[in-house]
Each structure stands twice: as structure tokens, then as C-alpha cells.
Amino acid sequence: MKTLKEFLLLICLLVVSASVSAQQNAMYSQYMFNTLAINPAYAGSRNVVSATGLYRSQWNGIDGAPETTTFTVDGALNSKRIGLGFQIYNDKLGITKTTGAAVSYAYRIRMNEASLSFGLQGSVSQYVADFTSVSLGSQSSYDPAFANNVNKVLFNFGTGVYYNSDRFYLGLSAQDLLNNKLAENNATTDSTMGNRKSLHLFLASGYVFTLTDDFKLKPSFLVKGVKGAPLEADFNATLWIKDVFAIGAQYRSSADLAGILEVQATPQIRIGYSYDHSITRLRNFNTGSHEIMLRYEFGSRRGKILSPRYF
């Protein structure tokens, strides 16, 4: 009965989320391995110290296409009632680059078979836009829109709530609570259109179904909403085989189809890879997107085997 209730909750939230209204921040296909980047309440939820590195190269073959590198580490303290996390990241897109760090804090309410966490995050980033490097053509006259570069240090905050058990998770979070200005207004820039950071909302959930002793099915979704941009949703399904190898697929609304592979190489090391194929007109100009993930957990002592952790 408990399993049925959790699954119905997942479906209901999926339907409700369709009414929300992708985003300025970096995008990940393997978001389930980088949850700390979107929800600070995730910190410490795995009950071990966990370090994750992720690299994404998007739309290969297009000059200036997005390229993202991120590293996170988190763990639980004080009888696992407090979660702490740290993230560093570098995100490049065209002439812009954002490099930053974030610290997350989560207060965890421990239950018999689950936990409920409330999180806060503070971040600092350097935003650079190299407008003067843009070629305007040999016959072009002076254009004030490309006359000055941007180099700004930005501070921001995020918050979230996260519920998880061994087989189910549900998270709701908000990032970029401060409406930071990215560049000064000029004749070609409207402060309400792309010149400021916008509030980002995230709703994520997933569940693990046991099919047989050797096979488990893990569906999940992530819905992203940003003011002034269309709603975007990722839908995933991954089949785990003997808790060692997984193969899955993802659909990103009106954007991509992706294949995902995961390997639990040792009780402490997990490796993930995804390949995205565009289903828009961009497919004519790029050879796809690649993303690789490496996670290491410090939860094994004296050869003790870690129980499987799916999220």
C-alpha cells in the first residue's frame, strides 16, 4: 500500500507540474547524479560522504556550444541530522563564461524509513561576456552593443525541500532568488529580457520498482520552469541489472532524446554516460551531446559492502 501511494503521488505531481512556466543555468541529462546543483536540501541524503564530477559537451560541431564542468561533495553530520554540500562549476556558452562555487546546508528530519530535508544555498560566481571578440565583418561600422566586455561577480541564494526513502524521492527547489543584473542597459538591451538572472524552479521525483531479484526499473522526471521561457521537462526510465549495470532512455520536451549507461564499478565507484540526440532543427548542425559522470563514496569501512543507493 505504501508503494502504491508513493507511485500515485509521483504521477499526480507530474500532471500538476505541466501547468508551471529553459533556463539560464547549465543543463544536465544525468541530473539525478547532480541533484545538489539544483536542490540544496539534497545535501547529506545519501548518508555517506559522496563526491561527484560531471562533464558535459553539448551540441558538438557548433562553435560556441555549451560546455559544462562541475564537481560536488556532500555528507551528513550530527547523527545525520545536518547535511553539508559544496559545489564548484564552470559553464561556457558562446562568448560567455560563468565560474562559481556554492555552499549548501540542509536540516534533516529523520523518519523510520525516510527523511525530510529543508535546504539553503549561497553562491558566488564570476560572469564574463567577451563582446569585443565578436567579428562584425570587415565592412561593419561601430556597434555600441559589442563595444564593452562584461566581467561581474554575482552573489545569489537558493532554497529547497527534499523527501527521500530507499526507493523514492521528491524534491522542490528554487535557485537564483536574487534578480542579479548581468550587464548594464544600453540601446539594444532591455533589462527585462536576458539582462538579469531569472528565478529557476525545479520539481524532481523518481521511484525504483523491483521487477525480479535481478532487475529493477527506475523512472524519474525533472521539470524546469523559468520566467519568460517555455516549460521544460525531462522524463527518464532506467533498467538496473543486478544492481551493477543500467541502461536507460530520456526524453527532453521538444528538444532531445538521450541514451544513458551506468556502471557500479565497485561498491564505492559509479560511472555514468549519456548521449543526447537533437530532435529539433539543430540536429542538422550538430553530432549530439556527450556527458560523463564519476561518483566516489567514502562510506565503506573494512571491506563493508555499501547497500545500493539509487538516487
Protein backbone atom coordinates (compact mmCIF):
# COMPACT_ATOMS: atom_id res chain seq x y z
CA MET A 1 0.00 0.00 0.00
CA LYS A 2 2.84 2.37 0.81
CA THR A 3 4.46 1.65 -2.57
CA LEU A 4 1.17 2.38 -4.38
CA LYS A 5 0.68 5.66 -2.53
CA GLU A 6 4.17 6.88 -3.39
CA PHE A 7 3.75 5.97 -7.05
CA LEU A 8 0.37 7.75 -7.26
CA LEU A 9 1.95 10.82 -5.67
CA LEU A 10 4.66 10.78 -8.34
CA ILE A 11 2.07 10.62 -11.15
CA CYS A 12 -0.10 13.38 -9.64
CA LEU A 13 2.87 15.72 -9.29
CA LEU A 14 3.89 15.01 -12.86
CA VAL A 15 0.46 16.08 -14.09
CA VAL A 16 0.32 19.19 -11.89
CA SER A 17 3.82 20.26 -12.97
CA ALA A 18 2.62 20.64 -16.56
CA SER A 19 0.90 23.89 -15.55
CA VAL A 20 4.13 25.57 -14.38
CA SER A 21 6.07 28.03 -16.78
CA ALA A 22 14.54 26.58 -20.43
CA GLN A 23 16.66 28.04 -18.30
CA GLN A 24 19.72 30.27 -18.00
CA ASN A 25 21.60 27.79 -15.81
CA ALA A 26 23.57 24.78 -17.01
CA MET A 27 21.61 21.73 -18.17
CA TYR A 28 22.39 18.10 -17.34
CA SER A 29 20.96 14.85 -18.69
CA GLN A 30 22.22 12.96 -15.64
CA TYR A 31 20.57 15.41 -13.25
CA MET A 32 19.90 12.54 -10.81
CA PHE A 33 23.66 12.44 -10.15
CA ASN A 34 23.95 16.20 -9.78
CA THR A 35 20.91 16.97 -7.61
CA LEU A 36 22.93 19.19 -5.27
CA ALA A 37 23.32 21.67 -8.16
CA ILE A 38 19.56 22.27 -8.25
CA ASN A 39 18.40 21.49 -4.70
CA PRO A 40 20.44 22.29 -1.55
CA ALA A 41 18.15 20.08 0.57
CA TYR A 42 19.75 17.06 -1.15
CA ALA A 43 22.95 17.55 0.91
CA GLY A 44 23.66 14.54 3.10
CA SER A 45 20.72 12.50 1.79
CA ARG A 46 22.92 9.53 0.83
CA ASN A 47 24.17 9.26 4.45
CA VAL A 48 27.79 9.00 3.29
CA VAL A 49 30.38 11.48 2.07
CA SER A 50 29.91 11.49 -1.69
CA ALA A 51 31.98 13.25 -4.36
CA THR A 52 30.74 13.61 -7.94
CA GLY A 53 32.39 15.02 -11.05
CA LEU A 54 30.45 15.67 -14.25
CA TYR A 55 31.45 16.98 -17.67
CA ARG A 56 29.00 17.86 -20.46
CA SER A 57 29.79 18.82 -24.05
CA GLN A 58 26.59 19.92 -25.77
CA TRP A 59 25.76 20.21 -29.48
CA ASN A 60 29.14 19.04 -30.74
CA GLY A 61 30.04 20.59 -34.09
CA ILE A 62 28.56 24.02 -33.32
CA ASP A 63 31.08 26.76 -32.49
CA GLY A 64 30.44 28.23 -29.07
CA ALA A 65 28.10 25.41 -27.99
CA PRO A 66 27.59 24.90 -24.22
CA GLU A 67 30.33 23.15 -22.26
CA THR A 68 29.95 22.49 -18.53
CA THR A 69 32.19 21.05 -15.81
CA THR A 70 31.02 20.62 -12.23
CA PHE A 71 32.27 18.97 -9.03
CA THR A 72 30.20 18.42 -5.89
CA VAL A 73 30.83 16.87 -2.49
CA ASP A 74 28.33 16.41 0.32
CA GLY A 75 27.81 14.48 3.53
CA ALA A 76 25.83 14.21 6.75
CA LEU A 77 26.86 15.34 10.25
CA ASN A 78 25.45 15.41 13.78
CA SER A 79 23.83 11.95 13.73
CA LYS A 80 22.89 12.59 10.09
CA ARG A 81 20.55 15.43 11.02
CA ILE A 82 22.66 18.04 9.23
CA GLY A 83 23.69 17.90 5.58
CA LEU A 84 26.51 19.99 4.12
CA GLY A 85 27.46 20.32 0.47
CA PHE A 86 29.93 22.18 -1.72
CA GLN A 87 29.94 22.70 -5.49
CA ILE A 88 32.29 24.32 -7.99
CA TYR A 89 31.37 24.74 -11.65
CA ASN A 90 32.43 26.26 -14.94
CA ASP A 91 29.88 26.83 -17.70
CA LYS A 92 30.76 28.21 -21.15
CA LEU A 93 28.30 29.29 -23.83
CA GLY A 94 29.46 31.28 -26.85
CA ILE A 95 31.23 34.42 -25.69
CA THR A 96 30.02 33.99 -22.11
CA LYS A 97 31.55 32.05 -19.22
CA THR A 98 30.31 31.57 -15.67
CA THR A 99 32.62 30.18 -12.98
CA GLY A 100 31.43 29.81 -9.43
CA ALA A 101 31.06 27.97 -6.15
CA ALA A 102 28.12 27.21 -3.89
CA VAL A 103 27.74 26.04 -0.28
CA SER A 104 24.61 24.14 0.76
CA TYR A 105 23.11 23.46 4.19
CA ALA A 106 20.26 21.04 4.91
CA TYR A 107 18.38 20.31 8.11
CA ARG A 108 17.15 16.72 8.01
CA ILE A 109 14.18 15.28 9.86
CA ARG A 110 14.90 11.58 10.21
CA MET A 111 11.97 9.15 9.96
CA ASN A 112 11.77 5.37 10.31
CA GLU A 113 12.30 4.65 6.61
CA ALA A 114 12.77 8.10 5.08
CA SER A 115 13.93 11.64 5.73
CA LEU A 116 12.61 15.13 5.02
CA SER A 117 15.15 17.91 4.45
CA PHE A 118 14.99 21.68 4.19
CA GLY A 119 17.94 23.36 2.49
CA LEU A 120 19.56 26.73 1.88
CA GLN A 121 22.33 27.60 -0.56
CA GLY A 122 24.63 30.56 -1.01
CA SER A 123 26.69 31.02 -4.16
CA VAL A 124 29.23 33.36 -5.71
CA SER A 125 30.08 33.39 -9.41
CA GLN A 126 32.05 35.36 -11.97
CA TYR A 127 30.14 36.15 -15.14
CA VAL A 128 32.22 37.12 -18.20
CA ALA A 129 30.92 38.13 -21.64
CA ASP A 130 33.58 38.85 -24.28
CA PHE A 131 31.56 41.08 -26.61
CA THR A 132 34.61 42.69 -28.25
CA SER A 133 35.71 39.29 -29.60
CA VAL A 134 32.64 39.10 -31.86
CA SER A 135 33.51 39.62 -35.53
CA LEU A 136 31.19 42.22 -37.09
CA GLY A 137 32.62 41.85 -40.59
CA SER A 138 35.21 43.97 -42.40
CA GLN A 139 32.56 46.43 -43.64
CA SER A 140 30.76 46.81 -40.32
CA SER A 141 30.63 50.14 -38.58
CA TYR A 142 30.99 50.69 -34.84
CA ASP A 143 28.29 48.90 -32.86
CA PRO A 144 27.90 50.04 -29.21
CA ALA A 145 26.28 46.71 -28.30
CA PHE A 146 29.66 44.99 -28.81
CA ALA A 147 31.94 47.78 -27.63
CA ASN A 148 32.39 46.72 -23.99
CA ASN A 149 33.01 43.42 -22.26
CA VAL A 150 31.26 42.31 -19.06
CA ASN A 151 33.07 40.96 -16.02
CA LYS A 152 30.93 40.80 -12.89
CA VAL A 153 30.94 39.00 -9.56
CA LEU A 154 27.44 37.86 -8.59
CA PHE A 155 26.06 36.59 -5.28
CA ASN A 156 22.88 34.55 -5.09
CA PHE A 157 20.78 32.21 -2.98
CA GLY A 158 18.67 29.11 -3.37
CA THR A 159 16.35 27.02 -1.24
CA GLY A 160 14.61 23.66 -1.43
CA VAL A 161 12.83 20.78 0.24
CA TYR A 162 13.66 17.11 -0.36
CA TYR A 163 11.96 13.89 0.77
CA ASN A 164 13.58 10.51 0.17
CA SER A 165 13.42 6.87 1.14
CA ASP A 166 15.44 3.96 -0.23
CA ARG A 167 13.15 3.70 -3.25
CA PHE A 168 11.50 7.11 -3.68
CA TYR A 169 12.48 10.76 -3.78
CA LEU A 170 10.68 14.04 -4.29
CA GLY A 171 12.29 17.47 -4.42
CA LEU A 172 11.10 21.03 -4.99
CA SER A 173 13.58 23.88 -5.17
CA ALA A 174 14.18 27.46 -6.27
CA GLN A 175 17.51 28.86 -7.48
CA ASP A 176 18.69 32.40 -8.28
CA LEU A 177 16.39 34.14 -5.81
CA LEU A 178 18.21 37.42 -6.44
CA ASN A 179 17.40 39.12 -9.75
CA ASN A 180 21.04 39.95 -10.50
CA LYS A 181 21.82 42.28 -13.38
CA LEU A 182 24.23 40.66 -15.85
CA ALA A 183 25.12 43.79 -17.84
CA GLU A 184 24.36 47.48 -17.90
CA ASN A 185 21.49 48.61 -20.09
CA ASN A 186 22.24 50.10 -23.48
CA ALA A 187 20.33 51.00 -26.61
CA THR A 188 19.94 47.37 -27.62
CA THR A 189 19.32 45.77 -24.24
CA ASP A 190 16.08 45.58 -22.32
CA SER A 191 16.64 44.92 -18.62
CA THR A 192 13.69 42.54 -18.59
CA MET A 193 14.94 40.35 -21.46
CA GLY A 194 18.06 38.31 -20.80
CA ASN A 195 19.89 41.10 -18.94
CA ARG A 196 19.11 39.68 -15.49
CA LYS A 197 19.20 36.32 -13.79
CA SER A 198 15.73 34.86 -13.50
CA LEU A 199 14.23 32.69 -10.78
CA HIS A 200 14.61 28.97 -11.61
CA LEU A 201 12.11 26.43 -10.25
CA PHE A 202 12.76 22.68 -10.20
CA LEU A 203 10.46 19.76 -9.42
CA ALA A 204 12.02 16.30 -9.44
CA SER A 205 10.86 12.83 -8.45
CA GLY A 206 11.68 9.19 -9.02
CA TYR A 207 10.91 5.67 -7.86
CA VAL A 208 12.57 2.25 -8.02
CA PHE A 209 10.36 -0.75 -8.88
CA THR A 210 11.62 -4.27 -8.18
CA LEU A 211 10.74 -6.43 -11.19
CA THR A 212 12.70 -9.54 -10.17
CA ASP A 213 15.67 -10.24 -7.91
CA ASP A 214 17.98 -9.19 -10.75
CA PHE A 215 16.03 -6.39 -12.47
CA LYS A 216 14.83 -3.03 -11.18
CA LEU A 217 13.12 -0.23 -13.09
CA LYS A 218 13.83 3.39 -12.10
CA PRO A 219 11.56 6.03 -13.73
CA SER A 220 12.14 9.69 -12.86
CA PHE A 221 11.39 13.18 -14.09
CA LEU A 222 12.65 16.73 -13.74
CA VAL A 223 10.54 19.79 -14.57
CA LYS A 224 12.27 23.17 -15.00
CA GLY A 225 10.48 26.49 -15.07
CA VAL A 226 11.96 29.96 -15.70
CA LYS A 227 10.15 33.24 -16.16
CA GLY A 228 9.96 34.20 -19.83
CA ALA A 229 10.94 30.74 -21.12
CA PRO A 230 8.91 27.66 -22.09
CA LEU A 231 8.44 24.92 -19.53
CA GLU A 232 10.99 22.11 -19.97
CA ALA A 233 10.69 18.56 -18.66
CA ASP A 234 13.00 15.53 -18.68
CA PHE A 235 11.45 12.06 -18.47
CA ASN A 236 13.73 9.11 -17.70
CA ALA A 237 13.47 5.34 -17.36
CA THR A 238 16.46 3.20 -16.38
CA LEU A 239 16.65 -0.57 -16.07
CA TRP A 240 19.11 -1.80 -13.42
CA ILE A 241 20.59 -5.29 -13.85
CA LYS A 242 21.89 -6.99 -10.69
CA ASP A 243 22.47 -3.51 -9.17
CA VAL A 244 25.67 -3.34 -11.27
CA PHE A 245 24.75 -2.25 -14.79
CA ALA A 246 21.98 0.04 -16.02
CA ILE A 247 20.69 1.15 -19.39
CA GLY A 248 18.09 3.85 -19.87
CA ALA A 249 16.50 6.46 -22.10
CA GLN A 250 15.43 10.07 -21.69
CA TYR A 251 13.06 12.42 -23.47
CA ARG A 252 13.56 16.17 -23.05
CA SER A 253 10.42 18.01 -24.11
CA SER A 254 10.68 19.36 -27.67
CA ALA A 255 14.47 19.12 -27.59
CA ASP A 256 16.32 15.80 -27.27
CA LEU A 257 16.29 12.05 -26.99
CA ALA A 258 19.06 10.52 -24.91
CA GLY A 259 20.55 7.16 -24.03
CA ILE A 260 22.08 6.60 -20.60
CA LEU A 261 24.51 3.95 -19.34
CA GLU A 262 25.54 3.43 -15.71
CA VAL A 263 28.03 1.06 -14.12
CA GLN A 264 28.51 0.40 -10.41
CA ALA A 265 32.17 -0.50 -10.91
CA THR A 266 32.82 -1.09 -7.19
CA PRO A 267 30.74 -0.51 -4.04
CA GLN A 268 32.22 2.99 -3.97
CA ILE A 269 32.62 3.95 -7.63
CA ARG A 270 29.81 4.65 -10.09
CA ILE A 271 30.32 5.73 -13.71
CA GLY A 272 27.65 7.22 -15.94
CA TYR A 273 27.49 8.27 -19.58
CA SER A 274 24.74 9.85 -21.67
CA TYR A 275 24.39 10.74 -25.33
CA ASP A 276 21.76 13.26 -26.46
CA HIS A 277 20.39 13.49 -29.99
CA SER A 278 18.54 16.65 -31.01
CA ILE A 279 15.01 16.27 -32.36
CA THR A 280 14.78 19.91 -33.43
CA ARG A 281 16.33 21.55 -36.50
CA LEU A 282 19.58 21.69 -34.56
CA ARG A 283 20.10 18.02 -35.50
CA ASN A 284 21.24 19.24 -38.93
CA PHE A 285 24.12 21.21 -37.40
CA ASN A 286 25.49 19.07 -34.55
CA THR A 287 26.54 15.49 -33.88
CA GLY A 288 24.93 15.23 -30.46
CA SER A 289 25.80 15.94 -26.83
CA HIS A 290 28.03 13.86 -24.55
CA GLU A 291 28.03 13.75 -20.77
CA ILE A 292 30.18 11.68 -18.43
CA MET A 293 29.86 11.30 -14.66
CA LEU A 294 32.11 9.79 -11.99
CA ARG A 295 30.99 9.36 -8.37
CA TYR A 296 33.03 8.15 -5.41
CA GLU A 297 31.58 7.36 -1.99
CA PHE A 298 33.60 7.24 1.21
CA GLY A 299 31.10 5.01 3.03
CA SER A 300 32.98 1.69 3.02
CA ARG A 301 34.97 0.66 6.10
CA ARG A 302 36.99 -2.52 6.49
CA GLY A 303 35.52 -4.03 3.36
CA LYS A 304 31.91 -3.43 4.35
CA ILE A 305 29.68 -3.52 1.27
CA LEU A 306 27.52 -0.46 0.72
CA SER A 307 23.81 -1.05 0.20
CA PRO A 308 22.64 0.11 -3.26
CA ARG A 309 21.81 3.82 -3.47
CA TYR A 310 19.73 4.70 -6.49
CA PHE A 311 19.48 8.49 -6.08
